């Protein structure tokens, strides 16, 4: 038995324009049986991804300041292992509008400053890539 612990493991998440449907196994009956469960959660039309990252990459964007930004931003990220890191700023059309050449960073916390003076107001995706994966954050520029 599971001692009252409602184990569960998400096996799939489906979504449409307006609904998210997680599907998981659930053992909360405490009788050794597992049920397959789902939930239907509405998504507002204005919902957007605020943060996306690989769970196993050993890379994490810890902060972007300021956000919204104007002339420059400080990007802090952590690495669990030494890795080559590239940084991109991507507009809402999916075009790379700023690229920082790959550089080797040791494990630990790092902060770099990115210039934004030549970019127009709007929403962008900041992507930090390493050998093990990537992490994305939304960045807003207001001039």
N, C-alpha and C. Protein backbone atom coordinates (compact mmCIF):
# COMPACT_ATOMS: atom_id res chain seq x y z
N UNK A 1 0.83 -1.17 0.00
CA UNK A 1 0.00 0.00 0.00
C UNK A 1 0.89 1.25 0.00
N UNK A 2 0.29 2.37 -0.25
CA UNK A 2 1.08 3.59 -0.33
C UNK A 2 0.97 4.47 0.91
N UNK A 3 0.42 3.97 1.99
CA UNK A 3 0.40 4.67 3.26
C UNK A 3 -0.30 6.02 3.22
N UNK A 4 -1.31 6.15 2.40
CA UNK A 4 -2.05 7.41 2.32
C UNK A 4 -1.42 8.44 1.40
N UNK A 5 -0.29 8.10 0.84
CA UNK A 5 0.37 9.03 -0.07
C UNK A 5 -0.23 8.88 -1.46
N UNK A 6 -0.80 9.94 -2.00
CA UNK A 6 -1.45 9.91 -3.30
C UNK A 6 -0.44 10.02 -4.43
N UNK A 7 0.23 8.93 -4.73
CA UNK A 7 1.22 8.98 -5.79
C UNK A 7 0.57 9.33 -7.11
N UNK A 8 1.33 9.90 -7.97
CA UNK A 8 0.83 10.21 -9.30
C UNK A 8 2.00 10.51 -10.21
N UNK A 9 1.83 10.21 -11.45
CA UNK A 9 2.86 10.50 -12.43
C UNK A 9 2.19 10.99 -13.69
N UNK A 10 2.56 12.21 -14.09
CA UNK A 10 1.99 12.76 -15.31
C UNK A 10 2.61 12.04 -16.50
N UNK A 11 1.77 11.52 -17.36
CA UNK A 11 2.26 10.78 -18.52
C UNK A 11 2.04 11.55 -19.82
N UNK A 12 1.19 12.58 -19.77
CA UNK A 12 0.93 13.34 -20.99
C UNK A 12 0.21 14.63 -20.61
N UNK A 13 0.48 15.69 -21.36
CA UNK A 13 -0.30 16.91 -21.26
C UNK A 13 -0.68 17.30 -22.68
N UNK A 14 -1.97 17.39 -22.93
CA UNK A 14 -2.48 17.78 -24.23
C UNK A 14 -3.03 19.19 -24.11
N UNK A 15 -3.03 19.92 -25.21
CA UNK A 15 -3.63 21.25 -25.16
C UNK A 15 -4.19 21.63 -26.52
N UNK A 16 -5.18 22.50 -26.47
CA UNK A 16 -5.74 23.10 -27.67
C UNK A 16 -5.60 24.60 -27.49
N UNK A 17 -6.27 25.36 -28.30
CA UNK A 17 -6.18 26.81 -28.16
C UNK A 17 -6.70 27.30 -26.82
N UNK A 18 -7.67 26.60 -26.24
CA UNK A 18 -8.30 27.11 -25.03
C UNK A 18 -8.39 26.13 -23.87
N UNK A 19 -7.79 24.93 -24.00
CA UNK A 19 -7.89 23.93 -22.94
C UNK A 19 -6.57 23.18 -22.79
N UNK A 20 -6.16 22.97 -21.54
CA UNK A 20 -5.01 22.13 -21.22
C UNK A 20 -5.55 20.89 -20.53
N UNK A 21 -5.06 19.70 -20.94
CA UNK A 21 -5.58 18.44 -20.40
C UNK A 21 -4.40 17.58 -19.90
N UNK A 22 -4.05 17.69 -18.62
CA UNK A 22 -3.03 16.78 -18.08
C UNK A 22 -3.63 15.40 -17.83
N UNK A 23 -2.85 14.36 -18.08
CA UNK A 23 -3.28 12.98 -17.87
C UNK A 23 -2.23 12.31 -16.98
N UNK A 24 -2.66 11.63 -15.93
CA UNK A 24 -1.72 11.04 -15.00
C UNK A 24 -2.29 9.77 -14.38
N UNK A 25 -1.39 8.98 -13.76
CA UNK A 25 -1.82 7.84 -12.97
C UNK A 25 -1.94 8.30 -11.53
N UNK A 26 -2.89 7.73 -10.81
CA UNK A 26 -3.19 8.21 -9.47
C UNK A 26 -3.43 7.02 -8.56
N UNK A 27 -2.73 6.99 -7.42
CA UNK A 27 -2.87 5.87 -6.49
C UNK A 27 -3.38 6.29 -5.13
N UNK A 28 -4.18 7.34 -5.07
CA UNK A 28 -4.59 7.87 -3.77
C UNK A 28 -5.62 7.00 -3.04
N UNK A 29 -6.14 5.95 -3.66
CA UNK A 29 -7.12 5.09 -2.98
C UNK A 29 -6.48 4.26 -1.86
N UNK A 30 -5.16 4.17 -1.85
CA UNK A 30 -4.40 3.43 -0.83
C UNK A 30 -4.77 1.95 -0.78
N UNK A 31 -5.21 1.39 -1.92
CA UNK A 31 -5.52 -0.03 -1.96
C UNK A 31 -4.64 -0.78 -2.96
N UNK A 32 -3.59 -0.10 -3.43
CA UNK A 32 -2.69 -0.72 -4.39
C UNK A 32 -3.10 -0.54 -5.84
N UNK A 33 -4.31 -0.03 -6.08
CA UNK A 33 -4.76 0.16 -7.46
C UNK A 33 -4.38 1.54 -7.96
N UNK A 34 -4.22 1.66 -9.26
CA UNK A 34 -3.93 2.94 -9.90
C UNK A 34 -5.07 3.29 -10.84
N UNK A 35 -5.45 4.55 -10.84
CA UNK A 35 -6.47 5.04 -11.76
C UNK A 35 -5.82 5.97 -12.76
N UNK A 36 -6.35 6.01 -13.96
CA UNK A 36 -5.89 6.98 -14.95
C UNK A 36 -6.83 8.17 -14.86
N UNK A 37 -6.24 9.35 -14.62
CA UNK A 37 -7.02 10.55 -14.37
C UNK A 37 -6.70 11.60 -15.44
N UNK A 38 -7.63 12.55 -15.60
CA UNK A 38 -7.37 13.71 -16.46
C UNK A 38 -8.13 14.89 -15.88
N UNK A 39 -7.69 16.08 -16.26
CA UNK A 39 -8.37 17.31 -15.84
C UNK A 39 -8.47 18.21 -17.07
N UNK A 40 -9.52 18.97 -17.13
CA UNK A 40 -9.72 19.90 -18.24
C UNK A 40 -9.62 21.31 -17.68
N UNK A 41 -8.54 22.00 -18.01
CA UNK A 41 -8.28 23.33 -17.47
C UNK A 41 -8.36 24.36 -18.59
N UNK A 42 -9.23 25.36 -18.43
CA UNK A 42 -9.32 26.39 -19.47
C UNK A 42 -8.05 27.24 -19.52
N UNK A 43 -7.70 27.65 -20.72
CA UNK A 43 -6.55 28.54 -20.94
C UNK A 43 -7.11 29.83 -21.51
N UNK A 44 -6.77 30.94 -20.88
CA UNK A 44 -7.22 32.23 -21.38
C UNK A 44 -6.54 32.52 -22.72
N UNK A 45 -7.25 33.13 -23.67
CA UNK A 45 -6.65 33.43 -24.97
C UNK A 45 -5.39 34.27 -24.89
N UNK A 46 -5.23 35.03 -23.81
CA UNK A 46 -4.04 35.88 -23.68
C UNK A 46 -2.90 35.19 -22.94
N UNK A 47 -3.09 33.91 -22.56
CA UNK A 47 -2.04 33.18 -21.85
C UNK A 47 -0.80 33.07 -22.72
N UNK A 48 0.35 33.16 -22.08
CA UNK A 48 1.60 33.01 -22.81
C UNK A 48 2.60 32.27 -21.94
N UNK A 49 3.60 31.72 -22.56
CA UNK A 49 4.64 31.01 -21.84
C UNK A 49 5.56 32.03 -21.21
N UNK A 50 5.68 32.00 -19.89
CA UNK A 50 6.56 32.92 -19.18
C UNK A 50 7.97 32.36 -19.06
N UNK A 51 8.06 31.04 -18.97
CA UNK A 51 9.36 30.42 -18.76
C UNK A 51 9.33 29.01 -19.30
N UNK A 52 10.38 28.64 -20.02
CA UNK A 52 10.50 27.28 -20.53
C UNK A 52 11.95 26.87 -20.38
N UNK A 53 12.20 25.68 -19.87
CA UNK A 53 13.56 25.21 -19.76
C UNK A 53 13.60 23.70 -19.72
N UNK A 54 14.74 23.16 -20.10
CA UNK A 54 14.97 21.73 -20.00
C UNK A 54 15.16 21.38 -18.54
N UNK A 55 14.50 20.33 -18.08
CA UNK A 55 14.59 19.95 -16.68
C UNK A 55 15.93 19.32 -16.36
N UNK A 56 16.56 18.68 -17.32
CA UNK A 56 17.78 17.93 -17.07
C UNK A 56 19.05 18.63 -17.55
N UNK A 57 18.97 19.87 -17.96
CA UNK A 57 20.11 20.51 -18.61
C UNK A 57 21.20 20.98 -17.67
N UNK A 58 20.90 21.19 -16.39
CA UNK A 58 21.90 21.75 -15.50
C UNK A 58 22.11 23.23 -15.75
N UNK A 59 21.18 23.86 -16.45
CA UNK A 59 21.24 25.28 -16.80
C UNK A 59 19.96 25.94 -16.33
N UNK A 60 20.08 27.10 -15.70
CA UNK A 60 18.90 27.81 -15.24
C UNK A 60 19.14 29.31 -15.32
N UNK A 61 18.21 30.04 -15.94
CA UNK A 61 18.26 31.51 -15.90
C UNK A 61 17.70 31.89 -14.53
N UNK A 62 18.52 32.52 -13.71
CA UNK A 62 18.07 32.85 -12.36
C UNK A 62 17.42 34.21 -12.28
N UNK A 63 17.82 35.17 -13.15
CA UNK A 63 17.15 36.47 -13.16
C UNK A 63 17.48 37.24 -14.42
N UNK A 64 16.54 38.13 -14.78
CA UNK A 64 16.73 39.11 -15.84
C UNK A 64 16.31 40.44 -15.22
N UNK A 65 17.23 41.36 -15.12
CA UNK A 65 16.89 42.66 -14.51
C UNK A 65 17.47 43.81 -15.32
N UNK A 66 16.76 44.88 -15.50
CA UNK A 66 15.33 45.02 -15.18
C UNK A 66 14.49 44.35 -16.27
N UNK A 67 13.26 44.09 -15.97
CA UNK A 67 12.32 43.55 -16.94
C UNK A 67 10.93 44.07 -16.59
N UNK A 68 10.42 45.04 -17.34
CA UNK A 68 10.84 45.54 -18.65
C UNK A 68 12.16 46.31 -18.58
N UNK A 69 12.84 46.29 -19.73
CA UNK A 69 14.15 46.92 -19.85
C UNK A 69 14.11 48.02 -20.89
N UNK A 70 15.20 48.81 -20.93
CA UNK A 70 15.29 49.89 -21.89
C UNK A 70 16.60 49.79 -22.67
N UNK A 71 17.71 50.17 -22.06
CA UNK A 71 18.99 50.23 -22.77
C UNK A 71 19.84 48.97 -22.61
N UNK A 72 19.69 48.27 -21.46
CA UNK A 72 20.50 47.08 -21.21
C UNK A 72 19.81 46.23 -20.16
N UNK A 73 20.21 44.95 -20.10
CA UNK A 73 19.72 44.04 -19.07
C UNK A 73 20.89 43.24 -18.51
N UNK A 74 20.74 42.82 -17.28
CA UNK A 74 21.67 41.88 -16.67
C UNK A 74 20.98 40.52 -16.63
N UNK A 75 21.65 39.53 -17.19
CA UNK A 75 21.13 38.17 -17.23
C UNK A 75 22.00 37.32 -16.31
N UNK A 76 21.38 36.70 -15.31
CA UNK A 76 22.10 35.80 -14.42
C UNK A 76 21.65 34.38 -14.71
N UNK A 77 22.61 33.47 -14.80
CA UNK A 77 22.30 32.06 -15.05
C UNK A 77 23.25 31.20 -14.26
N UNK A 78 22.80 29.98 -13.97
CA UNK A 78 23.66 29.04 -13.24
C UNK A 78 23.86 27.79 -14.08
N UNK A 79 25.04 27.21 -13.92
CA UNK A 79 25.40 25.96 -14.61
C UNK A 79 25.82 24.93 -13.58
N UNK A 80 25.41 23.69 -13.75
CA UNK A 80 25.86 22.65 -12.84
C UNK A 80 27.23 22.09 -13.25
N UNK A 81 27.58 22.25 -14.54
CA UNK A 81 28.87 21.80 -15.05
C UNK A 81 29.46 22.85 -15.98
N UNK A 82 30.77 22.84 -16.17
CA UNK A 82 31.40 23.72 -17.15
C UNK A 82 30.79 23.45 -18.52
N UNK A 83 30.51 24.54 -19.26
CA UNK A 83 29.86 24.37 -20.56
C UNK A 83 30.07 25.59 -21.43
N UNK A 84 29.98 25.37 -22.72
CA UNK A 84 29.92 26.48 -23.67
C UNK A 84 28.49 27.03 -23.62
N UNK A 85 28.37 28.36 -23.54
CA UNK A 85 27.05 28.99 -23.43
C UNK A 85 26.89 30.03 -24.53
N UNK A 86 25.74 30.00 -25.20
CA UNK A 86 25.36 31.01 -26.20
C UNK A 86 24.10 31.69 -25.71
N UNK A 87 23.95 32.97 -26.05
CA UNK A 87 22.77 33.72 -25.63
C UNK A 87 22.18 34.40 -26.86
N UNK A 88 20.84 34.29 -26.98
CA UNK A 88 20.12 34.88 -28.11
C UNK A 88 18.93 35.67 -27.60
N UNK A 89 18.56 36.69 -28.34
CA UNK A 89 17.30 37.39 -28.13
C UNK A 89 16.49 37.18 -29.40
N UNK A 90 15.27 36.68 -29.25
CA UNK A 90 14.44 36.28 -30.38
C UNK A 90 13.15 37.11 -30.35
N UNK A 91 12.80 37.71 -31.49
CA UNK A 91 11.57 38.50 -31.54
C UNK A 91 10.36 37.58 -31.71
N UNK A 92 9.18 38.14 -31.72
CA UNK A 92 7.95 37.34 -31.78
C UNK A 92 7.72 36.70 -33.14
N UNK A 93 8.54 37.05 -34.14
CA UNK A 93 8.48 36.39 -35.45
C UNK A 93 9.43 35.19 -35.50
N UNK A 94 10.16 34.96 -34.40
CA UNK A 94 11.10 33.85 -34.34
C UNK A 94 12.47 34.18 -34.90
N UNK A 95 12.73 35.48 -35.13
CA UNK A 95 14.02 35.90 -35.70
C UNK A 95 15.00 36.25 -34.58
N UNK A 96 16.24 35.79 -34.71
CA UNK A 96 17.28 36.16 -33.75
C UNK A 96 17.68 37.60 -34.04
N UNK A 97 17.49 38.47 -33.05
CA UNK A 97 17.82 39.88 -33.23
C UNK A 97 19.07 40.27 -32.46
N UNK A 98 19.56 39.39 -31.60
CA UNK A 98 20.80 39.61 -30.86
C UNK A 98 21.42 38.26 -30.57
N UNK A 99 22.70 38.10 -30.87
CA UNK A 99 23.41 36.85 -30.60
C UNK A 99 24.71 37.16 -29.89
N UNK A 100 24.96 36.45 -28.82
CA UNK A 100 26.24 36.54 -28.11
C UNK A 100 27.01 35.26 -28.42
N UNK A 101 28.21 35.42 -28.94
CA UNK A 101 29.01 34.26 -29.34
C UNK A 101 29.23 33.30 -28.18
N UNK A 102 29.33 32.01 -28.49
CA UNK A 102 29.54 31.02 -27.43
C UNK A 102 30.81 31.33 -26.63
N UNK A 103 30.71 31.09 -25.34
CA UNK A 103 31.84 31.29 -24.44
C UNK A 103 31.79 30.17 -23.40
N UNK A 104 32.96 29.72 -22.95
CA UNK A 104 33.03 28.68 -21.93
C UNK A 104 32.86 29.31 -20.55
N UNK A 105 31.94 28.74 -19.76
CA UNK A 105 31.72 29.19 -18.39
C UNK A 105 31.92 28.01 -17.45
N UNK A 106 32.51 28.26 -16.30
CA UNK A 106 32.66 27.24 -15.26
C UNK A 106 31.30 27.01 -14.61
N UNK A 107 31.19 25.93 -13.83
CA UNK A 107 29.96 25.70 -13.07
C UNK A 107 29.77 26.84 -12.08
N UNK A 108 28.52 27.14 -11.75
CA UNK A 108 28.23 28.20 -10.79
C UNK A 108 27.35 29.27 -11.39
N UNK A 109 27.25 30.39 -10.68
CA UNK A 109 26.40 31.50 -11.07
C UNK A 109 27.19 32.53 -11.87
N UNK A 110 26.60 33.03 -12.95
CA UNK A 110 27.24 34.02 -13.82
C UNK A 110 26.24 35.12 -14.15
N UNK A 111 26.73 36.35 -14.33
CA UNK A 111 25.89 37.47 -14.74
C UNK A 111 26.58 38.19 -15.88
N UNK A 112 25.83 38.43 -16.97
CA UNK A 112 26.35 39.20 -18.09
C UNK A 112 25.37 40.33 -18.41
N UNK A 113 25.89 41.38 -19.02
CA UNK A 113 25.07 42.53 -19.41
C UNK A 113 24.89 42.50 -20.93
N UNK A 114 23.64 42.65 -21.37
CA UNK A 114 23.34 42.67 -22.80
C UNK A 114 22.86 44.06 -23.21
N UNK A 115 23.37 44.58 -24.33
CA UNK A 115 22.91 45.88 -24.82
C UNK A 115 21.58 45.76 -25.55
N UNK A 116 20.67 46.69 -25.30
CA UNK A 116 19.36 46.66 -25.94
C UNK A 116 19.04 47.95 -26.69
N UNK A 117 19.97 48.89 -26.73
CA UNK A 117 19.71 50.22 -27.29
C UNK A 117 19.22 50.17 -28.73
N UNK A 118 19.66 49.21 -29.52
CA UNK A 118 19.29 49.15 -30.94
C UNK A 118 18.00 48.37 -31.20
N UNK A 119 17.33 47.91 -30.15
CA UNK A 119 16.10 47.13 -30.32
C UNK A 119 14.88 47.98 -30.01
N UNK A 120 13.78 47.70 -30.70
CA UNK A 120 12.56 48.46 -30.49
C UNK A 120 11.73 47.85 -29.36
N UNK A 121 10.75 48.62 -28.90
CA UNK A 121 9.85 48.17 -27.85
C UNK A 121 9.11 46.92 -28.30
N UNK A 122 8.85 46.03 -27.34
CA UNK A 122 8.10 44.82 -27.64
C UNK A 122 8.50 43.69 -26.74
N UNK A 123 7.91 42.52 -26.99
CA UNK A 123 8.22 41.31 -26.23
C UNK A 123 9.21 40.46 -27.01
N UNK A 124 10.15 39.87 -26.30
CA UNK A 124 11.19 39.04 -26.88
C UNK A 124 11.36 37.79 -26.02
N UNK A 125 11.99 36.79 -26.59
CA UNK A 125 12.37 35.59 -25.85
C UNK A 125 13.89 35.63 -25.68
N UNK A 126 14.34 35.56 -24.44
CA UNK A 126 15.77 35.46 -24.15
C UNK A 126 16.08 33.98 -24.02
N UNK A 127 17.00 33.47 -24.82
CA UNK A 127 17.37 32.06 -24.77
C UNK A 127 18.84 31.94 -24.40
N UNK A 128 19.10 31.13 -23.40
CA UNK A 128 20.46 30.77 -23.00
C UNK A 128 20.62 29.30 -23.32
N UNK A 129 21.63 28.96 -24.14
CA UNK A 129 21.86 27.57 -24.55
C UNK A 129 23.20 27.09 -24.03
N UNK A 130 23.22 25.85 -23.57
CA UNK A 130 24.47 25.21 -23.17
C UNK A 130 24.55 23.85 -23.86
N UNK A 131 25.63 23.13 -23.61
CA UNK A 131 25.78 21.81 -24.22
C UNK A 131 24.67 20.86 -23.78
N UNK A 132 24.12 21.08 -22.59
CA UNK A 132 23.11 20.16 -22.06
C UNK A 132 21.67 20.56 -22.29
N UNK A 133 21.41 21.75 -22.82
CA UNK A 133 20.03 22.16 -23.01
C UNK A 133 19.90 23.67 -23.13
N UNK A 134 18.70 24.17 -22.88
CA UNK A 134 18.45 25.59 -23.00
C UNK A 134 17.44 26.03 -21.97
N UNK A 135 17.36 27.36 -21.79
CA UNK A 135 16.36 27.95 -20.92
C UNK A 135 15.88 29.23 -21.59
N UNK A 136 14.57 29.45 -21.60
CA UNK A 136 13.97 30.63 -22.22
C UNK A 136 13.25 31.45 -21.16
N UNK A 137 13.27 32.76 -21.32
CA UNK A 137 12.49 33.67 -20.48
C UNK A 137 11.93 34.77 -21.37
N UNK A 138 10.78 35.30 -21.00
CA UNK A 138 10.19 36.42 -21.71
C UNK A 138 10.84 37.71 -21.24
N UNK A 139 11.18 38.58 -22.18
CA UNK A 139 11.77 39.89 -21.89
C UNK A 139 10.94 40.94 -22.59
N UNK A 140 10.61 42.01 -21.90
CA UNK A 140 9.89 43.13 -22.49
C UNK A 140 10.81 44.33 -22.55
N UNK A 141 10.82 44.98 -23.71
CA UNK A 141 11.59 46.21 -23.89
C UNK A 141 10.62 47.35 -24.04
N UNK A 142 10.82 48.39 -23.26
CA UNK A 142 9.97 49.59 -23.33
C UNK A 142 10.87 50.80 -23.50
N UNK A 143 10.69 51.53 -24.60
CA UNK A 143 11.52 52.72 -24.88
C UNK A 143 10.75 53.97 -24.61
